[in-house]
Amino acid sequence: MGNMAAIIDKLFRNIDFYEINYITAAIRLLGAMIFGSVIGYERTCKLRAAGFKTYSLVCVGSAAVMMTGMFIYQNYQISDPARLGAQVISGIGFLGAGTIMVTGFHSIKGLTTAAGLWVVACMGLVIGIGFYEAAIIMFLIIQFVMIVGEKIQARLLANSKRLRIYILLEKKDGLYKFLIFLNEHRINILEFEIIDNIGDFTSFAFVLKLNEKQKHDNILETIKSSNFVAYVDEA
């Protein structure tokens, strides 16, 4: 063990961790892989479009691009080291845009995944340039937003007095009965849209304004129990 420690000490003693060499390249790429993988793991657990592998590869790739720009400048002095990194920041938008979709409920999904890919790419650039302190801070902030931030957002939405729903009503008089239901419960309609006709039913998207004492879950359960509603869910 003593000999191994001496070898490691000798190997790293004269290494400048802010320069590009084979040791710093390995450290930065491995760090990018670990940081990207940890963030991607959380997205995989939630069955998101981009997960463990995607986040890991994006972070490693952006770190490699940043180091390549630095390497070219360091050895040939013919390039702006930030130029390749700038292309990553703009180019990652194509990958992020592919994860955004409008569902059948006319709600947008995938924004967090797209934003996550973009910020992980930026983190990879930070790691690639060797700004280790900022990379660690970014990693902690991203983890906080992805895990704790989702719980905060869910609580805010649950307590919001605005409720967006997708609902399937009988064509005959389902809409009329639903409007009566809303009036009886003193719920106002802020927005509504006819989505599609499905057999004997018509689908709608509503944005409702609840009164102070009403909760999302309670209202949804009451709507579901109505005999004129085939299906309803928060959109």
Protein backbone atom coordinates (compact mmCIF):
# COMPACT_ATOMS: atom_id res chain seq x y z
CA MET A 1 0.00 0.00 0.00
CA GLY A 2 2.87 2.35 0.82
CA ASN A 3 4.45 1.81 -2.60
CA MET A 4 1.13 2.40 -4.34
CA ALA A 5 0.58 5.65 -2.43
CA ALA A 6 4.09 6.78 -3.36
CA ILE A 7 3.47 6.02 -7.04
CA ILE A 8 0.18 7.95 -7.01
CA ASP A 9 1.80 10.86 -5.17
CA LYS A 10 4.64 10.98 -7.70
CA LEU A 11 2.22 10.72 -10.61
CA PHE A 12 -0.01 13.60 -9.49
CA ARG A 13 2.55 15.83 -7.76
CA ASN A 14 3.52 17.81 -10.85
CA ILE A 15 0.17 17.74 -12.59
CA ASP A 16 -1.53 21.07 -13.25
CA PHE A 17 -5.21 20.20 -13.07
CA TYR A 18 -6.15 23.33 -14.99
CA GLU A 19 -4.13 22.32 -18.06
CA ILE A 20 -5.12 19.80 -20.72
CA ASN A 21 -3.21 16.53 -20.40
CA TYR A 22 -4.10 12.87 -20.31
CA ILE A 23 -4.73 12.85 -16.55
CA THR A 24 -6.91 15.96 -16.45
CA ALA A 25 -8.75 14.78 -19.57
CA ALA A 26 -9.57 11.47 -17.86
CA ILE A 27 -10.65 13.21 -14.65
CA ARG A 28 -12.91 15.65 -16.47
CA LEU A 29 -14.51 13.04 -18.73
CA LEU A 30 -15.11 10.66 -15.82
CA GLY A 31 -16.50 13.53 -13.75
CA ALA A 32 -18.83 14.50 -16.59
CA MET A 33 -19.98 10.89 -16.95
CA ILE A 34 -20.68 10.56 -13.21
CA PHE A 35 -22.47 13.89 -12.86
CA GLY A 36 -24.55 13.34 -16.02
CA SER A 37 -25.40 9.76 -15.03
CA VAL A 38 -26.60 10.72 -11.54
CA ILE A 39 -28.93 13.38 -12.93
CA GLY A 40 -30.07 11.07 -15.73
CA TYR A 41 -30.84 8.31 -13.22
CA GLU A 42 -33.56 10.46 -11.66
CA ARG A 43 -35.12 11.04 -15.09
CA THR A 44 -34.95 7.32 -15.94
CA CYS A 45 -36.79 6.44 -12.73
CA LYS A 46 -39.61 8.73 -13.88
CA LEU A 47 -39.72 7.12 -17.35
CA ARG A 48 -38.77 10.33 -19.12
CA ALA A 49 -37.78 10.42 -22.80
CA ALA A 50 -34.14 11.18 -21.97
CA GLY A 51 -32.62 9.27 -19.08
CA PHE A 52 -29.43 7.77 -17.69
CA LYS A 53 -27.61 7.16 -20.99
CA THR A 54 -28.70 10.35 -22.72
CA TYR A 55 -27.71 12.67 -19.88
CA SER A 56 -24.41 10.88 -19.40
CA LEU A 57 -23.50 11.06 -23.10
CA VAL A 58 -24.54 14.72 -23.43
CA CYS A 59 -22.42 15.72 -20.45
CA VAL A 60 -19.37 13.70 -21.58
CA GLY A 61 -19.68 14.94 -25.16
CA SER A 62 -19.90 18.60 -24.19
CA ALA A 63 -16.94 18.21 -21.82
CA ALA A 64 -14.93 16.60 -24.63
CA VAL A 65 -15.84 19.39 -27.05
CA MET A 66 -14.75 22.05 -24.56
CA MET A 67 -11.44 20.29 -23.95
CA THR A 68 -10.90 19.90 -27.69
CA GLY A 69 -11.23 23.64 -28.15
CA MET A 70 -8.77 24.22 -25.34
CA PHE A 71 -6.36 21.60 -26.75
CA ILE A 72 -6.35 23.18 -30.21
CA TYR A 73 -5.68 26.62 -28.78
CA GLN A 74 -3.09 25.33 -26.29
CA ASN A 75 -1.09 23.45 -28.93
CA TYR A 76 -1.70 25.37 -32.15
CA GLN A 77 -2.93 28.85 -31.09
CA ILE A 78 -5.23 28.91 -34.11
CA SER A 79 -8.65 28.68 -32.52
CA ASP A 80 -10.94 30.46 -30.09
CA PRO A 81 -11.31 27.87 -27.27
CA ALA A 82 -14.89 28.99 -26.58
CA ARG A 83 -16.10 28.60 -30.18
CA LEU A 84 -16.81 24.87 -30.06
CA GLY A 85 -18.53 25.23 -26.69
CA ALA A 86 -20.84 27.88 -28.13
CA GLN A 87 -21.93 25.41 -30.80
CA VAL A 88 -22.84 22.87 -28.11
CA ILE A 89 -25.07 25.38 -26.32
CA SER A 90 -27.02 26.18 -29.49
CA GLY A 91 -26.90 22.67 -30.96
CA ILE A 92 -28.31 20.93 -27.88
CA GLY A 93 -31.58 22.73 -28.62
CA PHE A 94 -32.30 20.26 -31.43
CA LEU A 95 -32.04 17.33 -29.03
CA GLY A 96 -34.08 19.10 -26.37
CA ALA A 97 -36.80 20.09 -28.84
CA GLY A 98 -37.26 16.44 -29.74
CA THR A 99 -38.34 15.66 -26.17
CA ILE A 100 -41.09 18.32 -26.12
CA MET A 101 -44.55 17.25 -27.23
CA VAL A 102 -48.15 18.42 -27.01
CA THR A 103 -50.31 15.60 -25.66
CA GLY A 104 -53.86 14.72 -26.60
CA PHE A 105 -54.93 16.77 -23.58
CA HIS A 106 -53.37 19.86 -25.22
CA SER A 107 -50.82 20.12 -22.44
CA ILE A 108 -47.08 20.38 -23.06
CA LYS A 109 -44.78 17.62 -21.82
CA GLY A 110 -41.00 17.35 -21.90
CA LEU A 111 -39.99 20.90 -21.01
CA THR A 112 -38.11 19.77 -17.91
CA THR A 113 -36.30 17.07 -19.90
CA ALA A 114 -35.30 19.59 -22.58
CA ALA A 115 -34.13 22.11 -19.98
CA GLY A 116 -32.29 19.31 -18.15
CA LEU A 117 -30.40 18.30 -21.29
CA TRP A 118 -29.44 21.91 -21.95
CA VAL A 119 -28.17 22.58 -18.42
CA VAL A 120 -26.30 19.24 -18.32
CA ALA A 121 -24.60 20.19 -21.59
CA CYS A 122 -23.60 23.50 -19.99
CA MET A 123 -22.31 21.60 -16.95
CA GLY A 124 -20.25 19.42 -19.26
CA LEU A 125 -18.68 22.56 -20.77
CA VAL A 126 -17.88 23.83 -17.27
CA ILE A 127 -16.25 20.49 -16.39
CA GLY A 128 -14.41 20.43 -19.71
CA ILE A 129 -12.90 23.87 -19.14
CA GLY A 130 -11.70 22.76 -15.70
CA PHE A 131 -13.89 25.06 -13.60
CA TYR A 132 -14.37 22.30 -11.02
CA GLU A 133 -15.84 24.45 -8.26
CA ALA A 134 -18.64 25.76 -10.48
CA ALA A 135 -19.31 22.25 -11.82
CA ILE A 136 -19.87 20.88 -8.31
CA ILE A 137 -22.17 23.79 -7.42
CA MET A 138 -24.10 23.31 -10.69
CA PHE A 139 -24.45 19.59 -10.01
CA LEU A 140 -25.87 20.20 -6.52
CA ILE A 141 -28.28 22.87 -7.77
CA ILE A 142 -29.52 20.68 -10.64
CA GLN A 143 -30.08 17.77 -8.28
CA PHE A 144 -31.99 20.03 -5.89
CA VAL A 145 -34.22 21.39 -8.66
CA MET A 146 -34.88 17.94 -10.16
CA ILE A 147 -35.75 16.22 -6.87
CA VAL A 148 -36.83 18.80 -4.29
CA GLY A 149 -38.08 21.30 -6.87
CA GLU A 150 -40.59 18.79 -8.26
CA LYS A 151 -42.11 18.32 -4.82
CA ILE A 152 -42.37 22.08 -4.33
CA GLN A 153 -43.98 22.48 -7.75
CA ALA A 154 -46.46 19.66 -7.08
CA ARG A 155 -47.48 21.32 -3.81
CA LEU A 156 -47.89 24.71 -5.48
CA LEU A 157 -50.05 23.19 -8.23
CA ALA A 158 -52.15 21.24 -5.72
CA ASN A 159 -52.88 24.44 -3.79
CA SER A 160 -53.51 26.53 -6.90
CA LYS A 161 -57.05 27.78 -7.43
CA ARG A 162 -56.75 27.06 -11.14
CA LEU A 163 -57.42 23.54 -12.34
CA ARG A 164 -56.78 22.30 -15.89
CA ILE A 165 -58.73 19.16 -16.79
CA TYR A 166 -59.27 16.88 -19.75
CA ILE A 167 -62.83 15.53 -19.69
CA LEU A 168 -64.93 13.17 -21.82
CA LEU A 169 -68.65 14.07 -21.76
CA GLU A 170 -71.75 12.50 -23.30
CA LYS A 171 -72.66 14.14 -26.60
CA LYS A 172 -76.35 14.31 -25.82
CA ASP A 173 -76.42 16.57 -22.76
CA GLY A 174 -73.13 15.94 -20.97
CA LEU A 175 -71.86 19.48 -21.47
CA TYR A 176 -75.14 20.95 -20.21
CA LYS A 177 -75.03 18.79 -17.06
CA PHE A 178 -71.37 19.62 -16.49
CA LEU A 179 -72.10 23.37 -16.70
CA ILE A 180 -74.86 22.93 -14.14
CA PHE A 181 -72.42 21.03 -11.92
CA LEU A 182 -69.90 23.86 -12.12
CA ASN A 183 -72.55 26.44 -11.31
CA GLU A 184 -73.75 24.46 -8.27
CA HIS A 185 -70.20 24.24 -6.93
CA ARG A 186 -69.46 27.91 -7.70
CA ILE A 187 -66.61 27.02 -10.09
CA ASN A 188 -65.86 29.47 -12.90
CA ILE A 189 -64.64 28.58 -16.39
CA LEU A 190 -61.55 30.53 -17.47
CA GLU A 191 -60.83 28.66 -20.72
CA PHE A 192 -62.29 25.75 -22.61
CA GLU A 193 -61.71 23.99 -25.91
CA ILE A 194 -63.38 21.16 -27.79
CA ILE A 195 -60.71 18.54 -28.48
CA ASP A 196 -62.32 15.67 -30.39
CA ASN A 197 -65.45 13.55 -30.94
CA ILE A 198 -65.08 9.95 -29.77
CA GLY A 199 -68.14 7.83 -30.50
CA ASP A 200 -70.98 9.01 -28.26
CA PHE A 201 -68.67 11.33 -26.33
CA THR A 202 -66.92 14.65 -26.87
CA SER A 203 -63.60 15.51 -25.26
CA PHE A 204 -62.91 18.96 -23.81
CA ALA A 205 -60.06 20.81 -22.16
CA PHE A 206 -61.13 23.17 -19.37
CA VAL A 207 -59.27 25.62 -17.17
CA LEU A 208 -61.36 26.13 -14.05
CA LYS A 209 -61.13 28.63 -11.21
CA LEU A 210 -61.94 27.06 -7.84
CA ASN A 211 -63.09 28.92 -4.76
CA GLU A 212 -60.90 29.24 -1.67
CA LYS A 213 -62.02 26.07 0.12
CA GLN A 214 -61.93 23.67 -2.84
CA LYS A 215 -59.06 21.25 -3.47
CA HIS A 216 -58.04 19.68 -6.78
CA ASP A 217 -58.38 16.07 -5.63
CA ASN A 218 -61.80 16.58 -4.08
CA ILE A 219 -63.22 18.31 -7.14
CA LEU A 220 -61.82 15.64 -9.49
CA GLU A 221 -63.31 12.85 -7.40
CA THR A 222 -66.70 14.58 -7.38
CA ILE A 223 -66.61 15.04 -11.17
CA LYS A 224 -65.60 11.39 -11.69
CA SER A 225 -68.60 10.19 -9.71
CA SER A 226 -71.02 12.04 -12.02
CA ASN A 227 -72.94 9.74 -14.39
CA PHE A 228 -72.54 12.07 -17.40
CA VAL A 229 -68.71 11.91 -17.29
CA ALA A 230 -66.91 9.04 -19.07
CA TYR A 231 -63.42 10.16 -18.11
CA VAL A 232 -61.69 13.09 -16.41
CA ASP A 233 -58.14 13.81 -15.37
CA GLU A 234 -55.94 16.75 -14.47
CA ALA A 235 -54.07 17.81 -17.58
